[in-house]
Amino acid sequence: MVRRSTLDRGPQSDVHDGGSDMRAPRRVQAPGAPDGPPAAWRGAGGRWAVWALRVLVWVVLIVIGVRGVIAIVFGQTTPSRSAGAAAGPAGPSSPFPSGLAEAYAQQFASVYLNFSQATATQRAQQLASFLPNGADSQLGWNRAGSLSLESDQVAGIDVQGAQHAVVTLLARVNGQLMELGVPIYAANGGMVVSGEPAWLAAPPRITPPAPAAGNPDFAAQNALTLQLPAFFGAYASGDSATMARFLVHGASVAGLGGAVTYSAISSIYVPAGGDTRQITVSVVWKIPGQVGAAPAQLQMTYDMTVVSQNANWYVKSIRASAQSTGQQS
């Protein structure tokens, strides 16, 4: 075995130390110099900082992504302060004022559908408040003949945007039923009839389907024919104390307060069934008139819900009937 020379027993080489492992060179310190601060540790702590930064970046990206998906799904948009200020309450995004336009068109029709040669100048002056500047003062009328509006009601409205719509009126003119389409333009809180109206056909008269053949309960029908006259007498006068004797416990029916008086039951239909029935009754009312004159009479039809209790029938409700004429037997 070869022994190392005494001269070789000093500090070993930084490059070779009993093997082939490569080591980082040691820091050489001058003799007598004070010990310096230890070198900074670059172990696991540095890696933890990197991972923490990566996690933060991913969290930010996920939050941004989620907010974007929510905005797409629910149609949310970031409001623009300048756009909102420019639009204001009467901007293009405001809904069309349908209720006001319907009333406006009805007021317009009261002028437009009334004309005669004697009132032509007055009509032109009144129409001017509904028309844009420069419009025909008579709006298409040739100043001949006459037209008389008897009544009109709003039938509907076709909104065609935030500023345009056509209001349809159902009117009776010179004794004839018709519809009138009135174009309306609205903006900045105001409106105007933007063009000539259109005369349209009234709804045609149709025939309802024949009522289905019923299976009347004649026994119940006879019993109710005897009981209901007293109820309708109290119903006409508004006598709540008397009406209460004919009502199911807990039911409430408001009387007519003397607007009419009872005359007769002209027909009654009671279907077969259980203790609760939906019946139809036609009643003849007397209409108050001049003293000494024969009173007018008017037949009206009601649907009623009645309940059988202790061999008697009691009224639960009364309402206008949707049954076709002739339903009763």
C-alpha atoms as a PDB file:
ATOM      1  CA  MET A   1       0.000   0.000   0.000  1.00  0.00           C
ATOM      2  CA  VAL A   2       1.437   3.382  -0.929  1.00  0.00           C
ATOM      3  CA  ARG A   3       1.407   5.880   1.867  1.00  0.00           C
ATOM      4  CA  ARG A   4       0.819   9.488   1.235  1.00  0.00           C
ATOM      5  CA  SER A   5       3.672  11.780   1.646  1.00  0.00           C
ATOM      6  CA  THR A   6       3.694  14.032   4.657  1.00  0.00           C
ATOM      7  CA  LEU A   7       3.600  16.945   2.292  1.00  0.00           C
ATOM      8  CA  ASP A   8       0.276  15.705   0.929  1.00  0.00           C
ATOM      9  CA  ARG A   9      -1.474  15.789   4.320  1.00  0.00           C
ATOM     10  CA  GLY A  10      -2.590  19.411   3.991  1.00  0.00           C
ATOM     11  CA  PRO A  11      -5.975  20.472   2.846  1.00  0.00           C
ATOM     12  CA  GLN A  12      -7.303  18.246   0.130  1.00  0.00           C
ATOM     13  CA  SER A  13      -7.997  19.458  -3.329  1.00  0.00           C
ATOM     14  CA  ASP A  14     -11.418  21.027  -3.894  1.00  0.00           C
ATOM     15  CA  VAL A  15     -11.636  19.141  -7.129  1.00  0.00           C
ATOM     16  CA  HIS A  16     -10.879  15.624  -6.006  1.00  0.00           C
ATOM     17  CA  ASP A  17     -11.885  14.223  -2.636  1.00  0.00           C
ATOM     18  CA  GLY A  18     -11.599  10.495  -2.449  1.00  0.00           C
ATOM     19  CA  GLY A  19     -13.605   9.878  -5.548  1.00  0.00           C
ATOM     20  CA  SER A  20     -14.785  11.264  -8.771  1.00  0.00           C
ATOM     21  CA  ASP A  21     -17.675  13.414  -7.340  1.00  0.00           C
ATOM     22  CA  MET A  22     -17.498  17.006  -8.516  1.00  0.00           C
ATOM     23  CA  ARG A  23     -17.927  19.518  -5.720  1.00  0.00           C
ATOM     24  CA  ALA A  24     -18.433  23.272  -5.840  1.00  0.00           C
ATOM     25  CA  PRO A  25     -15.219  25.173  -4.975  1.00  0.00           C
ATOM     26  CA  ARG A  26     -15.041  26.384  -1.454  1.00  0.00           C
ATOM     27  CA  ARG A  27     -14.939  30.034  -0.588  1.00  0.00           C
ATOM     28  CA  VAL A  28     -11.367  30.998   0.186  1.00  0.00           C
ATOM     29  CA  GLN A  29     -11.023  33.225   3.232  1.00  0.00           C
ATOM     30  CA  ALA A  30      -7.898  35.197   3.998  1.00  0.00           C
ATOM     31  CA  PRO A  31      -6.038  34.149   7.151  1.00  0.00           C
ATOM     32  CA  GLY A  32      -7.168  36.114  10.171  1.00  0.00           C
ATOM     33  CA  ALA A  33     -10.172  37.577   8.449  1.00  0.00           C
ATOM     34  CA  PRO A  34     -13.456  37.447  10.397  1.00  0.00           C
ATOM     35  CA  ASP A  35     -16.002  34.840   9.453  1.00  0.00           C
ATOM     36  CA  GLY A  36     -18.452  36.212   6.859  1.00  0.00           C
ATOM     37  CA  PRO A  37     -22.216  35.674   6.839  1.00  0.00           C
ATOM     38  CA  PRO A  38     -23.357  32.295   5.652  1.00  0.00           C
ATOM     39  CA  ALA A  39     -24.468  32.048   2.056  1.00  0.00           C
ATOM     40  CA  ALA A  40     -28.206  32.404   1.405  1.00  0.00           C
ATOM     41  CA  TRP A  41     -30.117  29.160   1.474  1.00  0.00           C
ATOM     42  CA  ARG A  42     -31.687  28.350  -1.867  1.00  0.00           C
ATOM     43  CA  GLY A  43     -33.458  25.171  -0.957  1.00  0.00           C
ATOM     44  CA  ALA A  44     -37.228  24.355  -0.746  1.00  0.00           C
ATOM     45  CA  GLY A  45     -38.287  27.879   0.286  1.00  0.00           C
ATOM     46  CA  GLY A  46     -37.628  29.238  -3.170  1.00  0.00           C
ATOM     47  CA  ARG A  47     -39.646  26.500  -4.750  1.00  0.00           C
ATOM     48  CA  TRP A  48     -42.597  27.223  -2.398  1.00  0.00           C
ATOM     49  CA  ALA A  49     -42.613  30.879  -3.471  1.00  0.00           C
ATOM     50  CA  VAL A  50     -42.768  29.872  -7.131  1.00  0.00           C
ATOM     51  CA  TRP A  51     -45.652  27.496  -6.506  1.00  0.00           C
ATOM     52  CA  ALA A  52     -47.550  30.114  -4.498  1.00  0.00           C
ATOM     53  CA  LEU A  53     -47.209  32.575  -7.374  1.00  0.00           C
ATOM     54  CA  ARG A  54     -48.433  29.971  -9.847  1.00  0.00           C
ATOM     55  CA  VAL A  55     -51.502  29.208  -7.684  1.00  0.00           C
ATOM     56  CA  LEU A  56     -52.340  32.924  -7.460  1.00  0.00           C
ATOM     57  CA  VAL A  57     -52.123  33.299 -11.239  1.00  0.00           C
ATOM     58  CA  TRP A  58     -54.412  30.297 -11.770  1.00  0.00           C
ATOM     59  CA  VAL A  59     -56.978  31.626  -9.272  1.00  0.00           C
ATOM     60  CA  VAL A  60     -57.085  34.976 -11.094  1.00  0.00           C
ATOM     61  CA  LEU A  61     -57.526  33.247 -14.460  1.00  0.00           C
ATOM     62  CA  ILE A  62     -60.308  31.004 -13.114  1.00  0.00           C
ATOM     63  CA  VAL A  63     -62.191  33.993 -11.630  1.00  0.00           C
ATOM     64  CA  ILE A  64     -61.963  35.891 -14.919  1.00  0.00           C
ATOM     65  CA  GLY A  65     -63.148  32.815 -16.843  1.00  0.00           C
ATOM     66  CA  VAL A  66     -66.122  32.176 -14.562  1.00  0.00           C
ATOM     67  CA  ARG A  67     -67.267  35.814 -14.773  1.00  0.00           C
ATOM     68  CA  GLY A  68     -67.023  35.640 -18.551  1.00  0.00           C
ATOM     69  CA  VAL A  69     -69.135  32.477 -18.745  1.00  0.00           C
ATOM     70  CA  ILE A  70     -71.787  34.000 -16.446  1.00  0.00           C
ATOM     71  CA  ALA A  71     -71.931  37.132 -18.594  1.00  0.00           C
ATOM     72  CA  ILE A  72     -72.424  35.038 -21.760  1.00  0.00           C
ATOM     73  CA  VAL A  73     -75.099  32.759 -20.260  1.00  0.00           C
ATOM     74  CA  PHE A  74     -77.189  35.509 -18.635  1.00  0.00           C
ATOM     75  CA  GLY A  75     -76.567  38.186 -21.244  1.00  0.00           C
ATOM     76  CA  GLN A  76     -74.975  40.583 -18.785  1.00  0.00           C
ATOM     77  CA  THR A  77     -73.040  43.504 -20.127  1.00  0.00           C
ATOM     78  CA  THR A  78     -70.953  46.091 -18.463  1.00  0.00           C
ATOM     79  CA  PRO A  79     -72.968  49.320 -18.454  1.00  0.00           C
ATOM     80  CA  SER A  80     -71.479  52.227 -20.297  1.00  0.00           C
ATOM     81  CA  ARG A  81     -71.758  55.440 -18.323  1.00  0.00           C
ATOM     82  CA  SER A  82     -71.616  57.614 -21.405  1.00  0.00           C
ATOM     83  CA  ALA A  83     -74.185  55.517 -23.297  1.00  0.00           C
ATOM     84  CA  GLY A  84     -76.596  55.537 -20.348  1.00  0.00           C
ATOM     85  CA  ALA A  85     -76.307  59.282 -19.923  1.00  0.00           C
ATOM     86  CA  ALA A  86     -76.899  59.870 -23.619  1.00  0.00           C
ATOM     87  CA  ALA A  87     -79.978  57.609 -23.828  1.00  0.00           C
ATOM     88  CA  GLY A  88     -81.834  58.963 -20.780  1.00  0.00           C
ATOM     89  CA  PRO A  89     -85.428  58.061 -19.926  1.00  0.00           C
ATOM     90  CA  ALA A  90     -86.703  58.800 -23.435  1.00  0.00           C
ATOM     91  CA  GLY A  91     -83.832  57.180 -25.352  1.00  0.00           C
ATOM     92  CA  PRO A  92     -84.157  54.539 -28.083  1.00  0.00           C
ATOM     93  CA  SER A  93     -84.114  51.735 -25.493  1.00  0.00           C
ATOM     94  CA  SER A  94     -87.256  53.029 -23.724  1.00  0.00           C
ATOM     95  CA  PRO A  95     -90.390  50.903 -24.276  1.00  0.00           C
ATOM     96  CA  PHE A  96     -93.154  52.284 -26.437  1.00  0.00           C
ATOM     97  CA  PRO A  97     -95.796  54.100 -24.300  1.00  0.00           C
ATOM     98  CA  SER A  98     -98.691  51.851 -25.325  1.00  0.00           C
ATOM     99  CA  GLY A  99    -101.283  53.063 -22.828  1.00  0.00           C
ATOM    100  CA  LEU A 100    -100.742  56.719 -23.659  1.00  0.00           C
ATOM    101  CA  ALA A 101    -100.759  55.991 -27.402  1.00  0.00           C
ATOM    102  CA  GLU A 102    -104.109  54.190 -27.124  1.00  0.00           C
ATOM    103  CA  ALA A 103    -105.709  57.124 -25.313  1.00  0.00           C
ATOM    104  CA  TYR A 104    -104.102  59.554 -27.796  1.00  0.00           C
ATOM    105  CA  ALA A 105    -105.490  57.616 -30.789  1.00  0.00           C
ATOM    106  CA  GLN A 106    -108.960  57.552 -29.255  1.00  0.00           C
ATOM    107  CA  GLN A 107    -108.918  61.324 -28.749  1.00  0.00           C
ATOM    108  CA  PHE A 108    -107.722  61.766 -32.325  1.00  0.00           C
ATOM    109  CA  ALA A 109    -110.543  59.567 -33.674  1.00  0.00           C
ATOM    110  CA  SER A 110    -113.175  61.722 -31.954  1.00  0.00           C
ATOM    111  CA  VAL A 111    -112.054  64.564 -34.233  1.00  0.00           C
ATOM    112  CA  TYR A 112    -111.065  62.610 -37.353  1.00  0.00           C
ATOM    113  CA  LEU A 113    -114.316  60.585 -37.626  1.00  0.00           C
ATOM    114  CA  ASN A 114    -116.557  63.633 -37.238  1.00  0.00           C
ATOM    115  CA  PHE A 115    -116.837  66.058 -40.142  1.00  0.00           C
ATOM    116  CA  SER A 116    -119.328  68.179 -42.063  1.00  0.00           C
ATOM    117  CA  GLN A 117    -119.070  71.218 -44.291  1.00  0.00           C
ATOM    118  CA  ALA A 118    -120.309  73.443 -41.490  1.00  0.00           C
ATOM    119  CA  THR A 119    -117.546  72.356 -39.108  1.00  0.00           C
ATOM    120  CA  ALA A 120    -114.649  71.940 -41.573  1.00  0.00           C
ATOM    121  CA  THR A 121    -112.635  74.892 -40.233  1.00  0.00           C
ATOM    122  CA  GLN A 122    -113.048  73.831 -36.609  1.00  0.00           C
ATOM    123  CA  ARG A 123    -112.086  70.246 -37.505  1.00  0.00           C
ATOM    124  CA  ALA A 124    -108.903  71.406 -39.221  1.00  0.00           C
ATOM    125  CA  GLN A 125    -107.911  73.416 -36.161  1.00  0.00           C
ATOM    126  CA  GLN A 126    -108.501  70.478 -33.846  1.00  0.00           C
ATOM    127  CA  LEU A 127    -106.676  68.020 -36.109  1.00  0.00           C
ATOM    128  CA  ALA A 128    -103.607  70.267 -36.166  1.00  0.00           C
ATOM    129  CA  SER A 129    -102.771  69.321 -32.559  1.00  0.00           C
ATOM    130  CA  PHE A 130    -102.434  65.655 -33.607  1.00  0.00           C
ATOM    131  CA  LEU A 131    -100.537  66.074 -36.914  1.00  0.00           C
ATOM    132  CA  PRO A 132     -96.926  66.906 -37.832  1.00  0.00           C
ATOM    133  CA  ASN A 133     -96.131  70.302 -39.329  1.00  0.00           C
ATOM    134  CA  GLY A 134     -97.007  70.555 -43.009  1.00  0.00           C
ATOM    135  CA  ALA A 135     -99.595  67.762 -42.977  1.00  0.00           C
ATOM    136  CA  ASP A 136    -102.910  68.073 -44.854  1.00  0.00           C
ATOM    137  CA  SER A 137    -105.143  70.094 -42.538  1.00  0.00           C
ATOM    138  CA  GLN A 138    -108.158  67.834 -43.282  1.00  0.00           C
ATOM    139  CA  LEU A 139    -106.082  64.633 -43.472  1.00  0.00           C
ATOM    140  CA  GLY A 140    -107.512  63.382 -46.761  1.00  0.00           C
ATOM    141  CA  TRP A 141    -111.097  64.659 -46.495  1.00  0.00           C
ATOM    142  CA  ASN A 142    -112.363  66.489 -49.610  1.00  0.00           C
ATOM    143  CA  ARG A 143    -114.663  68.786 -47.582  1.00  0.00           C
ATOM    144  CA  ALA A 144    -117.835  67.125 -48.953  1.00  0.00           C
ATOM    145  CA  GLY A 145    -120.472  65.040 -47.160  1.00  0.00           C
ATOM    146  CA  SER A 146    -120.469  64.226 -43.467  1.00  0.00           C
ATOM    147  CA  LEU A 147    -119.403  61.568 -40.992  1.00  0.00           C
ATOM    148  CA  SER A 148    -120.559  61.049 -37.420  1.00  0.00           C
ATOM    149  CA  LEU A 149    -118.774  58.995 -34.770  1.00  0.00           C
ATOM    150  CA  GLU A 150    -121.203  57.372 -32.327  1.00  0.00           C
ATOM    151  CA  SER A 151    -118.770  55.403 -30.155  1.00  0.00           C
ATOM    152  CA  ASP A 152    -115.258  53.987 -30.188  1.00  0.00           C
ATOM    153  CA  GLN A 153    -113.075  51.734 -28.048  1.00  0.00           C
ATOM    154  CA  VAL A 154    -109.450  50.614 -28.196  1.00  0.00           C
ATOM    155  CA  ALA A 155    -109.319  47.160 -29.800  1.00  0.00           C
ATOM    156  CA  GLY A 156    -105.558  46.631 -29.723  1.00  0.00           C
ATOM    157  CA  ILE A 157    -102.104  47.967 -30.492  1.00  0.00           C
ATOM    158  CA  ASP A 158     -99.331  46.680 -32.763  1.00  0.00           C
ATOM    159  CA  VAL A 159     -96.022  47.989 -31.401  1.00  0.00           C
ATOM    160  CA  GLN A 160     -93.448  48.040 -34.197  1.00  0.00           C
ATOM    161  CA  GLY A 161     -90.497  49.414 -32.259  1.00  0.00           C
ATOM    162  CA  ALA A 162     -89.545  51.834 -29.528  1.00  0.00           C
ATOM    163  CA  GLN A 163     -91.124  54.740 -31.451  1.00  0.00           C
ATOM    164  CA  HIS A 164     -93.695  53.312 -33.879  1.00  0.00           C
ATOM    165  CA  ALA A 165     -97.040  51.570 -33.353  1.00  0.00           C
ATOM    166  CA  VAL A 166    -100.489  51.235 -34.905  1.00  0.00           C
ATOM    167  CA  VAL A 167    -103.459  51.556 -32.552  1.00  0.00           C
ATOM    168  CA  THR A 168    -106.663  49.809 -33.688  1.00  0.00           C
ATOM    169  CA  LEU A 169    -110.004  51.253 -32.612  1.00  0.00           C
ATOM    170  CA  LEU A 170    -113.405  49.571 -32.842  1.00  0.00           C
ATOM    171  CA  ALA A 171    -115.914  52.282 -33.725  1.00  0.00           C
ATOM    172  CA  ARG A 172    -119.493  52.798 -34.813  1.00  0.00           C
ATOM    173  CA  VAL A 173    -119.667  55.445 -37.542  1.00  0.00           C
ATOM    174  CA  ASN A 174    -122.909  56.520 -39.263  1.00  0.00           C
ATOM    175  CA  GLY A 175    -124.552  53.444 -37.711  1.00  0.00           C
ATOM    176  CA  GLN A 176    -121.930  51.026 -39.079  1.00  0.00           C
ATOM    177  CA  LEU A 177    -119.354  49.079 -37.094  1.00  0.00           C
ATOM    178  CA  MET A 178    -115.769  49.470 -38.348  1.00  0.00           C
ATOM    179  CA  GLU A 179    -112.149  49.377 -37.225  1.00  0.00           C
ATOM    180  CA  LEU A 180    -109.703  52.249 -37.602  1.00  0.00           C
ATOM    181  CA  GLY A 181    -105.940  51.768 -37.655  1.00  0.00           C
ATOM    182  CA  VAL A 182    -104.080  54.875 -36.404  1.00  0.00           C
ATOM    183  CA  PRO A 183    -100.277  55.114 -36.902  1.00  0.00           C
ATOM    184  CA  ILE A 184     -98.539  56.720 -33.908  1.00  0.00           C
ATOM    185  CA  TYR A 185     -94.966  57.989 -33.595  1.00  0.00           C
ATOM    186  CA  ALA A 186     -93.627  58.621 -30.075  1.00  0.00           C
ATOM    187  CA  ALA A 187     -90.326  60.183 -28.977  1.00  0.00           C
ATOM    188  CA  ASN A 188     -88.966  62.309 -26.131  1.00  0.00           C
ATOM    189  CA  GLY A 189     -92.228  62.124 -24.207  1.00  0.00           C
ATOM    190  CA  GLY A 190     -94.383  63.361 -27.112  1.00  0.00           C
ATOM    191  CA  MET A 191     -96.350  61.733 -29.906  1.00  0.00           C
ATOM    192  CA  VAL A 192     -98.062  62.487 -33.173  1.00  0.00           C
ATOM    193  CA  VAL A 193    -100.290  60.766 -35.725  1.00  0.00           C
ATOM    194  CA  SER A 194     -97.567  59.997 -38.228  1.00  0.00           C
ATOM    195  CA  GLY A 195     -99.698  59.159 -41.281  1.00  0.00           C
ATOM    196  CA  GLU A 196    -103.162  58.680 -42.663  1.00  0.00           C
ATOM    197  CA  PRO A 197    -105.344  56.224 -40.731  1.00  0.00           C
ATOM    198  CA  ALA A 198    -106.787  53.092 -42.354  1.00  0.00           C
ATOM    199  CA  TRP A 199    -110.461  52.093 -42.404  1.00  0.00           C
ATOM    200  CA  LEU A 200    -110.613  48.352 -41.621  1.00  0.00           C
ATOM    201  CA  ALA A 201    -113.380  45.768 -41.565  1.00  0.00           C
ATOM    202  CA  ALA A 202    -115.132  45.079 -38.275  1.00  0.00           C
ATOM    203  CA  PRO A 203    -114.966  41.553 -36.848  1.00  0.00           C
ATOM    204  CA  PRO A 204    -117.412  39.377 -38.802  1.00  0.00           C
ATOM    205  CA  ARG A 205    -120.453  37.927 -37.089  1.00  0.00           C
ATOM    206  CA  ILE A 206    -120.117  34.188 -36.552  1.00  0.00           C
ATOM    207  CA  THR A 207    -122.321  31.366 -35.297  1.00  0.00           C
ATOM    208  CA  PRO A 208    -121.225  29.619 -32.093  1.00  0.00           C
ATOM    209  CA  PRO A 209    -121.249  25.820 -32.005  1.00  0.00           C
ATOM    210  CA  ALA A 210    -124.482  24.170 -31.018  1.00  0.00           C
ATOM    211  CA  PRO A 211    -124.559  23.212 -27.336  1.00  0.00           C
ATOM    212  CA  ALA A 212    -124.016  19.569 -26.567  1.00  0.00           C
ATOM    213  CA  ALA A 213    -127.123  17.604 -25.722  1.00  0.00           C
ATOM    214  CA  GLY A 214    -127.518  17.603 -21.947  1.00  0.00           C
ATOM    215  CA  ASN A 215    -128.985  15.137 -19.503  1.00  0.00           C
ATOM    216  CA  PRO A 216    -131.223  17.319 -17.318  1.00  0.00           C
ATOM    217  CA  ASP A 217    -132.235  16.408 -13.795  1.00  0.00           C
ATOM    218  CA  PHE A 218    -135.936  17.271 -13.882  1.00  0.00           C
ATOM    219  CA  ALA A 219    -136.482  16.680 -10.167  1.00  0.00           C
ATOM    220  CA  ALA A 220    -133.728  19.118  -9.193  1.00  0.00           C
ATOM    221  CA  GLN A 221    -134.880  21.494 -11.915  1.00  0.00           C
ATOM    222  CA  ASN A 222    -138.420  21.597 -10.499  1.00  0.00           C
ATOM    223  CA  ALA A 223    -137.142  22.117  -6.951  1.00  0.00           C
ATOM    224  CA  LEU A 224    -134.899  25.005  -7.993  1.00  0.00           C
ATOM    225  CA  THR A 225    -137.693  26.563 -10.043  1.00  0.00           C
ATOM    226  CA  LEU A 226    -139.638  26.885  -6.797  1.00  0.00           C
ATOM    227  CA  GLN A 227    -136.733  28.135  -4.654  1.00  0.00           C
ATOM    228  CA  LEU A 228    -134.900  30.565  -6.932  1.00  0.00           C
ATOM    229  CA  PRO A 229    -137.616  33.252  -7.450  1.00  0.00           C
ATOM    230  CA  ALA A 230    -137.278  34.366  -3.808  1.00  0.00           C
ATOM    231  CA  PHE A 231    -133.488  34.416  -4.176  1.00  0.00           C
ATOM    232  CA  PHE A 232    -133.602  36.533  -7.368  1.00  0.00           C
ATOM    233  CA  GLY A 233    -136.069  38.939  -5.764  1.00  0.00           C
ATOM    234  CA  ALA A 234    -133.622  39.545  -2.919  1.00  0.00           C
ATOM    235  CA  TYR A 235    -130.703  39.613  -5.370  1.00  0.00           C
ATOM    236  CA  ALA A 236    -132.384  42.375  -7.413  1.00  0.00           C
ATOM    237  CA  SER A 237    -133.180  44.546  -4.390  1.00  0.00           C
ATOM    238  CA  GLY A 238    -129.874  43.894  -2.633  1.00  0.00           C
ATOM    239  CA  ASP A 239    -131.587  42.482   0.482  1.00  0.00           C
ATOM    240  CA  SER A 240    -128.576  40.722   1.993  1.00  0.00           C
ATOM    241  CA  ALA A 241    -130.524  39.320   4.973  1.00  0.00           C
ATOM    242  CA  THR A 242    -132.986  37.516   2.694  1.00  0.00           C
ATOM    243  CA  MET A 243    -130.254  36.391   0.316  1.00  0.00           C
ATOM    244  CA  ALA A 244    -128.343  34.840   3.210  1.00  0.00           C
ATOM    245  CA  ARG A 245    -131.178  32.318   3.687  1.00  0.00           C
ATOM    246  CA  PHE A 246    -130.444  30.938   0.210  1.00  0.00           C
ATOM    247  CA  LEU A 247    -126.626  30.920   0.353  1.00  0.00           C
ATOM    248  CA  VAL A 248    -124.264  28.110   1.277  1.00  0.00           C
ATOM    249  CA  HIS A 249    -122.538  28.760   4.601  1.00  0.00           C
ATOM    250  CA  GLY A 250    -119.534  30.996   3.949  1.00  0.00           C
ATOM    251  CA  ALA A 251    -120.684  32.170   0.490  1.00  0.00           C
ATOM    252  CA  SER A 252    -120.953  35.880  -0.285  1.00  0.00           C
ATOM    253  CA  VAL A 253    -123.037  37.392  -3.118  1.00  0.00           C
ATOM    254  CA  ALA A 254    -123.485  41.129  -3.747  1.00  0.00           C
ATOM    255  CA  GLY A 255    -126.973  42.174  -4.821  1.00  0.00           C
ATOM    256  CA  LEU A 256    -127.981  44.661  -7.523  1.00  0.00           C
ATOM    257  CA  GLY A 257    -129.190  47.337  -5.123  1.00  0.00           C
ATOM    258  CA  GLY A 258    -132.583  47.958  -6.732  1.00  0.00           C
ATOM    259  CA  ALA A 259    -131.262  48.609 -10.237  1.00  0.00           C
ATOM    260  CA  VAL A 260    -133.849  46.081 -11.461  1.00  0.00           C
ATOM    261  CA  THR A 261    -136.776  44.123 -10.011  1.00  0.00           C
ATOM    262  CA  TYR A 262    -137.501  40.433 -10.464  1.00  0.00           C
ATOM    263  CA  SER A 263    -140.194  39.425 -12.961  1.00  0.00           C
ATOM    264  CA  ALA A 264    -139.814  35.722 -13.783  1.00  0.00           C
ATOM    265  CA  ILE A 265    -137.520  32.809 -14.563  1.00  0.00           C
ATOM    266  CA  SER A 266    -137.942  32.086 -18.260  1.00  0.00           C
ATOM    267  CA  SER A 267    -135.824  28.913 -18.346  1.00  0.00           C
ATOM    268  CA  ILE A 268    -133.549  26.809 -16.196  1.00  0.00           C
ATOM    269  CA  TYR A 269    -131.171  23.962 -16.962  1.00  0.00           C
ATOM    270  CA  VAL A 270    -129.923  21.604 -14.227  1.00  0.00           C
ATOM    271  CA  PRO A 271    -127.598  18.779 -15.313  1.00  0.00           C
ATOM    272  CA  ALA A 272    -127.579  15.432 -13.569  1.00  0.00           C
ATOM    273  CA  GLY A 273    -124.817  14.973 -11.025  1.00  0.00           C
ATOM    274  CA  GLY A 274    -123.929  14.994  -7.367  1.00  0.00           C
ATOM    275  CA  ASP A 275    -124.673  17.400  -4.571  1.00  0.00           C
ATOM    276  CA  THR A 276    -122.913  20.313  -6.351  1.00  0.00           C
ATOM    277  CA  ARG A 277    -124.259  21.366  -9.757  1.00  0.00           C
ATOM    278  CA  GLN A 278    -123.399  24.034 -12.341  1.00  0.00           C
ATOM    279  CA  ILE A 279    -126.772  25.329 -13.567  1.00  0.00           C
ATOM    280  CA  THR A 280    -127.885  27.933 -16.113  1.00  0.00           C
ATOM    281  CA  VAL A 281    -130.838  30.250 -15.417  1.00  0.00           C
ATOM    282  CA  SER A 282    -132.483  32.871 -17.649  1.00  0.00           C
ATOM    283  CA  VAL A 283    -134.164  35.628 -15.628  1.00  0.00           C
ATOM    284  CA  VAL A 284    -136.540  38.386 -16.789  1.00  0.00           C
ATOM    285  CA  TRP A 285    -135.805  41.718 -15.073  1.00  0.00           C
ATOM    286  CA  LYS A 286    -138.043  44.773 -14.943  1.00  0.00           C
ATOM    287  CA  ILE A 287    -136.168  48.003 -15.636  1.00  0.00           C
ATOM    288  CA  PRO A 288    -137.395  51.020 -13.597  1.00  0.00           C
ATOM    289  CA  GLY A 289    -138.911  53.725 -15.825  1.00  0.00           C
ATOM    290  CA  GLN A 290    -141.346  56.603 -15.737  1.00  0.00           C
ATOM    291  CA  VAL A 291    -144.151  56.483 -13.208  1.00  0.00           C
ATOM    292  CA  GLY A 292    -147.327  55.165 -14.784  1.00  0.00           C
ATOM    293  CA  ALA A 293    -145.589  53.820 -17.873  1.00  0.00           C
ATOM    294  CA  ALA A 294    -145.213  50.124 -18.571  1.00  0.00           C
ATOM    295  CA  PRO A 295    -141.760  49.028 -17.338  1.00  0.00           C
ATOM    296  CA  ALA A 296    -139.202  47.746 -19.767  1.00  0.00           C
ATOM    297  CA  GLN A 297    -138.233  44.098 -19.362  1.00  0.00           C
ATOM    298  CA  LEU A 298    -134.930  42.482 -20.194  1.00  0.00           C
ATOM    299  CA  GLN A 299    -134.014  38.800 -20.136  1.00  0.00           C
ATOM    300  CA  MET A 300    -130.523  37.892 -18.916  1.00  0.00           C
ATOM    301  CA  THR A 301    -128.757  34.571 -18.414  1.00  0.00           C
ATOM    302  CA  TYR A 302    -126.628  33.479 -15.455  1.00  0.00           C
ATOM    303  CA  ASP A 303    -124.447  30.516 -14.585  1.00  0.00           C
ATOM    304  CA  MET A 304    -124.810  29.464 -10.950  1.00  0.00           C
ATOM    305  CA  THR A 305    -123.198  26.948  -8.632  1.00  0.00           C
ATOM    306  CA  VAL A 306    -125.748  25.345  -6.305  1.00  0.00           C
ATOM    307  CA  VAL A 307    -125.293  22.789  -3.526  1.00  0.00           C
ATOM    308  CA  SER A 308    -127.837  20.291  -2.184  1.00  0.00           C
ATOM    309  CA  GLN A 309    -128.031  20.148   1.620  1.00  0.00           C
ATOM    310  CA  ASN A 310    -130.807  18.595   3.749  1.00  0.00           C
ATOM    311  CA  ALA A 311    -133.177  18.265   0.768  1.00  0.00           C
ATOM    312  CA  ASN A 312    -132.787  21.954  -0.138  1.00  0.00           C
ATOM    313  CA  TRP A 313    -130.660  23.746  -2.730  1.00  0.00           C
ATOM    314  CA  TYR A 314    -128.355  26.610  -1.737  1.00  0.00           C
ATOM    315  CA  VAL A 315    -126.532  29.104  -3.942  1.00  0.00           C
ATOM    316  CA  LYS A 316    -122.726  29.160  -3.806  1.00  0.00           C
ATOM    317  CA  SER A 317    -122.025  31.647  -6.621  1.00  0.00           C
ATOM    318  CA  ILE A 318    -123.661  33.533  -9.501  1.00  0.00           C
ATOM    319  CA  ARG A 319    -121.944  34.932 -12.594  1.00  0.00           C
ATOM    320  CA  ALA A 320    -122.484  35.862 -16.240  1.00  0.00           C
ATOM    321  CA  SER A 321    -123.111  32.849 -18.446  1.00  0.00           C
ATOM    322  CA  ALA A 322    -120.908  31.738 -21.311  1.00  0.00           C
ATOM    323  CA  GLN A 323    -123.549  29.312 -22.552  1.00  0.00           C
ATOM    324  CA  SER A 324    -125.004  29.726 -26.006  1.00  0.00           C
ATOM    325  CA  THR A 325    -128.594  30.923 -26.345  1.00  0.00           C
ATOM    326  CA  GLY A 326    -130.885  27.922 -26.282  1.00  0.00           C
ATOM    327  CA  GLN A 327    -128.732  25.896 -23.866  1.00  0.00           C
ATOM    328  CA  GLN A 328    -131.533  25.818 -21.333  1.00  0.00           C
ATOM    329  CA  SER A 329    -134.259  23.268 -21.658  1.00  0.00           C
END
